[in-house]
N, C-alpha and C. Protein backbone atom coordinates (compact mmCIF):
# COMPACT_ATOMS: atom_id res chain seq x y z
N UNK A 1 1.14 -1.29 0.08
CA UNK A 1 -0.18 0.08 0.00
C UNK A 1 0.88 1.18 -0.03
N UNK A 2 0.33 2.07 -0.79
CA UNK A 2 1.09 3.81 -0.62
C UNK A 2 0.40 4.40 -0.14
N UNK A 3 0.78 5.52 0.76
CA UNK A 3 0.45 6.55 1.30
C UNK A 3 1.07 7.76 0.95
N UNK A 4 0.51 8.52 0.75
CA UNK A 4 1.26 9.97 0.88
C UNK A 4 0.77 10.86 1.78
N UNK A 5 2.11 11.84 2.52
CA UNK A 5 1.81 12.60 2.91
C UNK A 5 2.33 13.82 2.40
N UNK A 6 1.30 15.13 2.99
CA UNK A 6 1.97 16.61 2.51
C UNK A 6 3.02 16.70 3.57
N UNK A 7 4.50 17.37 3.04
CA UNK A 7 5.08 17.54 4.04
C UNK A 7 5.90 19.11 3.51
N UNK A 8 6.16 19.22 4.74
CA UNK A 8 7.39 20.50 4.65
C UNK A 8 8.62 20.24 6.35
N UNK A 9 9.60 20.22 5.65
CA UNK A 9 10.87 19.85 6.77
C UNK A 9 10.30 19.21 7.38
N UNK A 10 10.25 17.52 6.58
CA UNK A 10 10.36 16.57 7.01
C UNK A 10 8.68 16.18 7.97
N UNK A 11 7.97 16.88 7.98
CA UNK A 11 6.98 16.98 9.19
C UNK A 11 5.27 17.12 8.13
N UNK A 12 4.37 16.74 8.64
CA UNK A 12 3.07 16.93 8.14
C UNK A 12 2.34 18.50 8.15
N UNK A 13 2.61 18.74 6.58
CA UNK A 13 2.12 19.70 6.33
C UNK A 13 0.66 20.06 6.68
N UNK A 14 0.37 21.39 7.47
CA UNK A 14 -1.12 21.83 7.98
C UNK A 14 -1.56 21.85 6.95
N UNK A 15 -1.44 22.32 5.96
CA UNK A 15 -2.35 23.25 4.99
C UNK A 15 -2.18 22.17 3.35
N UNK A 16 -3.19 21.29 3.02
CA UNK A 16 -2.66 20.52 2.15
C UNK A 16 -2.36 21.08 0.47
N UNK A 17 -3.22 22.32 0.22
CA UNK A 17 -2.67 22.93 -0.87
C UNK A 17 -1.73 23.67 -1.12
N UNK A 18 -1.29 23.88 -0.33
CA UNK A 18 0.06 24.67 0.06
C UNK A 18 1.76 24.06 -0.37
N UNK A 19 0.95 22.57 0.05
CA UNK A 19 2.59 21.37 -0.03
C UNK A 19 3.61 21.88 -1.06
N UNK A 20 4.62 21.63 -1.13
CA UNK A 20 5.52 21.84 -2.10
C UNK A 20 6.54 20.27 -2.12
N UNK A 21 6.16 19.76 -1.08
CA UNK A 21 6.19 17.97 -1.00
C UNK A 21 5.51 17.18 -0.84
N UNK A 22 5.61 15.75 -1.34
CA UNK A 22 5.16 14.79 -0.61
C UNK A 22 6.02 13.60 -0.19
N UNK A 23 5.68 13.14 0.99
CA UNK A 23 6.39 11.72 1.06
C UNK A 23 5.38 11.04 0.88
N UNK A 24 6.00 9.72 -0.02
CA UNK A 24 5.00 8.79 -0.73
C UNK A 24 5.91 7.75 0.04
N UNK A 25 5.22 6.91 0.84
CA UNK A 25 5.44 6.14 1.95
C UNK A 25 4.76 4.47 1.32
N UNK A 26 5.76 3.79 1.10
CA UNK A 26 4.92 2.32 1.25
C UNK A 26 5.10 1.68 1.97
N UNK A 27 3.99 0.84 2.49
CA UNK A 27 3.86 0.31 3.91
C UNK A 27 3.01 -0.87 3.88
N UNK A 28 3.54 -1.95 4.56
CA UNK A 28 2.78 -3.63 4.39
C UNK A 28 1.91 -3.54 5.51
N UNK A 29 0.19 -3.02 5.43
CA UNK A 29 -0.18 -2.77 6.69
C UNK A 29 -0.53 -4.26 7.24
N UNK A 30 -0.65 -5.46 6.74
CA UNK A 30 -0.60 -6.12 7.30
C UNK A 30 0.18 -6.71 8.62
N UNK A 31 1.61 -6.45 8.48
CA UNK A 31 2.80 -6.38 9.33
C UNK A 31 3.23 -5.16 10.05
N UNK A 32 2.39 -3.81 9.83
CA UNK A 32 2.54 -2.80 9.95
C UNK A 32 4.09 -2.20 10.07
N UNK A 33 4.26 -2.55 8.69
CA UNK A 33 5.98 -2.12 8.33
C UNK A 33 5.88 -0.81 7.20
N UNK A 34 6.98 -0.02 7.69
CA UNK A 34 7.17 0.96 6.16
C UNK A 34 8.45 -0.10 5.58
N UNK A 35 8.02 0.22 4.45
CA UNK A 35 9.09 -0.54 3.65
C UNK A 35 10.05 0.18 2.38
N UNK A 36 9.53 1.71 2.73
CA UNK A 36 10.34 2.59 2.08
C UNK A 36 9.47 3.98 2.03
N UNK A 37 10.40 5.01 1.66
CA UNK A 37 9.93 6.31 1.65
C UNK A 37 11.15 7.01 0.72
N UNK A 38 9.85 8.09 -0.34
CA UNK A 38 10.79 8.93 -1.22
C UNK A 38 9.89 10.13 -1.29
N UNK A 39 10.92 11.38 -0.71
CA UNK A 39 10.37 12.38 -0.73
C UNK A 39 10.40 13.26 -2.23
N UNK A 40 9.13 13.60 -2.98
CA UNK A 40 8.84 14.07 -4.05
C UNK A 40 8.58 15.62 -4.24
N UNK A 41 8.87 16.22 -5.05
CA UNK A 41 8.05 17.40 -5.47
C UNK A 41 6.67 17.60 -5.81
N UNK A 42 6.16 18.17 -5.33
CA UNK A 42 4.83 18.32 -6.08
C UNK A 42 4.55 19.05 -7.20
N UNK A 43 4.03 18.70 -8.02
CA UNK A 43 3.66 19.54 -9.21
C UNK A 43 2.92 20.95 -8.94
N UNK A 44 3.17 21.86 -9.67
CA UNK A 44 2.78 23.25 -9.60
C UNK A 44 1.15 23.47 -9.03
N UNK A 45 0.94 24.01 -8.16
CA UNK A 45 -0.52 23.74 -7.61
C UNK A 45 -1.77 24.30 -8.76
N UNK A 46 -2.70 23.50 -9.18
CA UNK A 46 -3.74 23.94 -9.93
C UNK A 46 -5.07 23.21 -9.67
N UNK A 47 -5.88 23.88 -9.17
CA UNK A 47 -7.23 23.37 -8.50
C UNK A 47 -7.58 21.59 -8.93
N UNK A 48 -7.52 20.88 -8.29
CA UNK A 48 -7.98 19.68 -8.99
C UNK A 48 -6.43 18.89 -9.13
N UNK A 49 -5.36 19.28 -9.60
CA UNK A 49 -4.44 18.11 -9.42
C UNK A 49 -4.08 17.36 -9.09
N UNK A 50 -3.65 17.54 -7.89
CA UNK A 50 -3.44 16.89 -6.65
C UNK A 50 -4.05 15.36 -6.43
N UNK A 51 -5.29 15.21 -7.03
CA UNK A 51 -5.82 13.97 -6.08
C UNK A 51 -5.47 13.36 -7.80
N UNK A 52 -5.59 13.78 -8.84
CA UNK A 52 -5.30 12.65 -9.83
C UNK A 52 -3.44 12.47 -10.17
N UNK A 53 -3.00 13.29 -9.85
CA UNK A 53 -1.66 13.11 -9.77
C UNK A 53 -1.23 12.08 -8.78
N UNK A 54 -1.71 12.13 -7.21
CA UNK A 54 -1.44 11.14 -6.89
C UNK A 54 -2.16 9.97 -6.98
N UNK A 55 -2.83 9.69 -7.73
CA UNK A 55 -3.91 8.57 -8.01
C UNK A 55 -2.59 7.93 -8.96
N UNK A 56 -2.18 8.57 -10.10
CA UNK A 56 -1.27 8.21 -10.69
C UNK A 56 -0.22 7.68 -10.18
N UNK A 57 0.35 8.07 -8.92
CA UNK A 57 1.66 7.79 -8.36
C UNK A 57 1.51 6.51 -7.57
N UNK A 58 0.22 6.17 -7.66
CA UNK A 58 -0.46 4.72 -6.85
C UNK A 58 -0.84 4.83 -5.46
N UNK A 59 -1.32 5.83 -4.94
CA UNK A 59 -1.69 5.97 -3.89
C UNK A 59 -2.93 5.86 -3.27
N UNK A 60 -2.98 4.89 -2.24
CA UNK A 60 -4.28 4.54 -1.55
C UNK A 60 -4.97 5.20 -0.84
N UNK A 61 -3.74 5.93 0.02
CA UNK A 61 -4.26 6.73 1.72
C UNK A 61 -3.42 8.04 1.42
N UNK A 62 -4.34 9.10 1.87
CA UNK A 62 -3.78 10.32 2.26
C UNK A 62 -3.77 10.83 3.46
N UNK A 63 -2.82 11.11 3.91
CA UNK A 63 -2.78 11.58 5.71
C UNK A 63 -2.31 12.98 5.36
N UNK A 64 -3.45 13.93 5.86
CA UNK A 64 -3.42 15.28 5.76
C UNK A 64 -3.88 15.99 6.78
N UNK A 65 -3.57 17.16 7.12
CA UNK A 65 -4.13 17.95 8.17
C UNK A 65 -4.95 18.76 7.80
N UNK A 66 -4.81 20.00 7.50
CA UNK A 66 -5.98 20.87 6.81
C UNK A 66 -6.25 20.48 4.97
N UNK A 67 -7.39 20.08 4.56
CA UNK A 67 -7.66 19.97 3.37
C UNK A 67 -9.07 20.31 3.01
N UNK A 68 -8.99 21.14 1.96
CA UNK A 68 -10.30 21.56 1.43
C UNK A 68 -11.59 20.48 1.16
N UNK A 69 -12.77 20.77 1.07
CA UNK A 69 -13.93 20.28 0.93
C UNK A 69 -14.10 19.61 -0.45
N UNK A 70 -13.38 20.26 -1.32
CA UNK A 70 -13.48 19.80 -2.89
C UNK A 70 -12.50 18.55 -3.32
N UNK A 71 -11.32 19.26 -2.29
CA UNK A 71 -10.30 18.27 -2.44
C UNK A 71 -10.77 16.68 -1.56
N UNK A 72 -11.54 16.85 -0.99
CA UNK A 72 -11.82 15.09 -0.31
C UNK A 72 -12.82 14.91 -1.18
N UNK A 73 -13.68 15.34 -1.64
CA UNK A 73 -14.56 14.74 -2.91
C UNK A 73 -13.56 14.50 -4.15
N UNK A 74 -12.75 14.98 -4.71
CA UNK A 74 -11.67 14.58 -5.49
C UNK A 74 -11.22 13.37 -5.22
N UNK A 75 -10.74 13.29 -4.14
CA UNK A 75 -9.92 12.05 -3.66
C UNK A 75 -10.74 10.57 -3.59
N UNK A 76 -11.96 11.25 -3.42
CA UNK A 76 -12.92 9.75 -3.28
C UNK A 76 -13.22 9.93 -4.72
N UNK A 77 -13.36 10.57 -5.53
CA UNK A 77 -13.66 10.09 -6.73
C UNK A 77 -12.41 9.00 -7.41
N UNK A 78 -11.28 9.31 -6.54
CA UNK A 78 -10.29 8.61 -7.18
C UNK A 78 -10.18 7.07 -6.91
N UNK A 79 -10.73 7.07 -5.54
CA UNK A 79 -10.66 6.14 -4.73
C UNK A 79 -9.59 6.13 -3.58
N UNK A 80 -9.36 7.32 -3.24
CA UNK A 80 -8.24 7.52 -2.52
C UNK A 80 -8.67 7.55 -1.02
N UNK A 81 -8.20 7.16 0.04
CA UNK A 81 -8.92 7.71 1.42
C UNK A 81 -8.00 8.36 1.84
N UNK A 82 -8.88 9.43 2.44
CA UNK A 82 -7.94 10.23 3.43
C UNK A 82 -8.18 10.44 4.71
N UNK A 83 -7.32 10.44 5.42
CA UNK A 83 -7.42 10.33 6.87
C UNK A 83 -7.15 11.68 7.69
N UNK A 84 -6.83 12.20 8.97
CA UNK A 84 -6.68 12.88 9.34
C UNK A 84 -5.39 12.81 10.23
N UNK A 85 -4.26 13.62 10.23
CA UNK A 85 -3.18 13.33 10.98
C UNK A 85 -2.86 14.85 11.73
N UNK A 86 -2.22 14.57 12.65
CA UNK A 86 -1.25 15.71 13.17
C UNK A 86 -0.63 16.58 12.74
N UNK A 87 -1.00 17.73 12.40
CA UNK A 87 0.14 18.91 11.94
C UNK A 87 1.25 18.95 12.48
N UNK A 88 2.89 18.64 11.99
CA UNK A 88 3.95 18.94 12.57
C UNK A 88 4.29 17.68 13.15
N UNK A 89 4.02 17.07 12.92
CA UNK A 89 4.40 15.51 13.30
C UNK A 89 5.12 15.04 12.19
N UNK A 90 6.26 14.08 12.54
CA UNK A 90 7.07 13.79 11.64
C UNK A 90 6.33 12.45 10.59
N UNK A 91 7.03 12.45 9.65
CA UNK A 91 6.44 11.09 8.54
C UNK A 91 6.38 10.29 9.56
N UNK A 92 7.71 9.64 9.99
CA UNK A 92 7.91 8.50 10.30
C UNK A 92 6.85 8.19 11.88
N UNK A 93 6.01 9.06 12.74
CA UNK A 93 5.25 9.20 13.37
C UNK A 93 3.93 9.24 12.95
N UNK A 94 3.43 9.85 11.94
CA UNK A 94 2.46 9.50 11.39
C UNK A 94 1.97 8.56 10.71
N UNK A 95 2.80 7.82 9.91
CA UNK A 95 2.71 6.67 9.64
C UNK A 95 2.55 5.35 10.50
N UNK A 96 3.14 5.58 11.45
CA UNK A 96 3.03 4.75 12.86
C UNK A 96 1.99 4.81 13.20
N UNK A 97 1.22 6.14 13.60
CA UNK A 97 0.09 6.12 13.97
C UNK A 97 -0.48 5.35 12.77
N UNK A 98 -0.79 5.72 12.04
CA UNK A 98 -1.94 5.04 11.14
C UNK A 98 -1.89 3.64 11.30
N UNK A 99 -0.96 2.93 10.74
CA UNK A 99 -0.34 1.53 10.74
C UNK A 99 -0.99 1.05 11.94
N UNK A 100 -0.90 1.49 13.39
CA UNK A 100 -1.29 0.79 14.42
C UNK A 100 -2.94 1.42 14.62
N UNK A 101 -3.77 1.90 13.69
CA UNK A 101 -5.09 2.45 13.56
C UNK A 101 -5.42 3.18 14.35
N UNK A 102 -4.50 4.33 15.15
CA UNK A 102 -5.04 5.58 15.74
C UNK A 102 -5.21 6.91 14.73
N UNK A 103 -5.25 6.95 13.54
CA UNK A 103 -5.61 7.69 12.33
C UNK A 103 -6.48 6.82 11.79
N UNK A 104 -8.22 7.58 11.61
CA UNK A 104 -9.18 6.70 11.32
C UNK A 104 -10.13 7.73 11.06
N UNK A 105 -9.86 8.86 11.68
CA UNK A 105 -11.01 10.18 11.14
C UNK A 105 -10.49 10.85 9.96
N UNK A 106 -11.84 11.21 9.18
CA UNK A 106 -11.60 11.85 8.05
C UNK A 106 -11.59 13.32 8.54
N UNK A 107 -10.68 14.22 7.59
CA UNK A 107 -10.71 15.95 8.23
C UNK A 107 -11.63 16.26 8.09
N UNK A 108 -11.96 17.40 8.90
CA UNK A 108 -13.28 18.02 8.40
C UNK A 108 -13.00 18.88 7.45
N UNK A 109 -12.36 19.18 7.01
CA UNK A 109 -12.08 20.03 5.70
C UNK A 109 -11.79 21.45 5.99
N UNK A 110 -11.05 22.44 5.19
CA UNK A 110 -10.76 23.61 5.66
C UNK A 110 -11.68 24.72 4.77
N UNK A 111 -11.99 25.98 5.07
CA UNK A 111 -12.23 27.01 4.39
C UNK A 111 -11.70 28.09 4.90
N UNK A 112 -11.18 29.26 3.90
CA UNK A 112 -11.06 30.34 3.97
C UNK A 112 -11.57 31.43 3.84
N UNK A 113 -12.03 32.40 4.53
CA UNK A 113 -12.77 33.40 3.86
C UNK A 113 -12.81 34.22 2.84
N UNK A 114 -13.26 34.18 1.96
CA UNK A 114 -12.98 35.14 1.20
C UNK A 114 -12.94 34.24 -0.33
N UNK A 115 -12.04 32.99 -0.24
CA UNK A 115 -11.43 32.00 -1.09
C UNK A 115 -12.49 30.76 -1.29
N UNK A 116 -12.65 30.42 -2.44
CA UNK A 116 -12.92 29.68 -2.92
C UNK A 116 -12.18 28.08 -2.14
N UNK A 117 -13.11 26.96 -1.96
CA UNK A 117 -12.30 25.84 -1.61
C UNK A 117 -11.91 25.00 -2.62
N UNK A 118 -10.40 25.36 -3.02
CA UNK A 118 -9.51 24.90 -3.83
C UNK A 118 -8.56 24.43 -3.54
N UNK A 119 -8.72 23.41 -2.12
CA UNK A 119 -6.96 22.90 -1.82
C UNK A 119 -6.81 21.35 -2.44
N UNK A 120 -7.47 21.39 -3.80
CA UNK A 120 -6.54 20.27 -4.03
C UNK A 120 -5.63 20.33 -4.89
């Protein structure tokens, strides 16, 4: 299984649409093991691009801090599960929390006054 985590300085970025890098983490969920991690540059942000791009990377789960309602819907269309993670935590801690069942909630979605909800 491949997990995508938006990162900044090796930690979960709190604002999904503003991230510049993703940690793509290959895991064995049955054995609760991390098999490998690759940090990749995010493509230039365009509304709706990240869900398609991450799907093309083989991602099945996204762990996010703040993320927009539209992005959540677009990930659902791609068949990618999105769970809430604690912004500022290391990639390793976030993955371990997911693998041990401590991250199960869906992010609430974020909105910014006066802006369209385009955090995908």
